[in-house]
Amino acid sequence: MLNLPKTIKMVITDFDGVVTDNCVYINEDYTMSRKLNFKDVMAFSILKKNGFKIGIISGEKNSAIEILAKKFEIEEVHQNIRIKIDVLKNIVEKYGLSKEEFVYIGDDINDIECLEFAKYKITVGHSVSKVKAVKDIQITENSAGDGAFREVADCLTA
């Protein structure tokens, strides 16, 4: 069970491997697609309706992010980001957030710097062992792409 304080104002997350099941589907026309679970899509709506700001920092660029960003008016969307920590620090500064006011969610080695920077940090069960070893990290009960992001939203709005 996740434990997050009521001081959180912004949820900042990686996308693939947190909101998706970490799979990329290659179509016959060489395009890629991803599967989203409506539990996780609803999490964006729940967070927005409850006054939370949302940020996505993804190492990839994909249309699923763009669709969600437009539909839910997500404040911060950063795609094709290889070094995420600089983007995270810029977001925190832009919104004047203290360490008590944001949570970061990530699942792979390119998220470790951000997870170590954040006071409140969450990963998913299938994340790599180096991520699970980050000090004070919390692990969702639900799998990525199957309610993990929703679990965070439900924790914050309970």
Foldseek 3Di string as FASTA:
>chain_A
DDDADLQAQEEEEEPQFAQFLNDWDQDPVRDIDTAGDVLLLVLLVLCVVVRHAYEYAYLADDVVQVVSCVVSVHPYYHYNDQQCPVVVVVVCVVVVHDLNHYEYEDAEPSCLVVQLVHPHYEYEDPGDPVNVPRPPYHYAPAGHSGNNNSVVSVNNVD
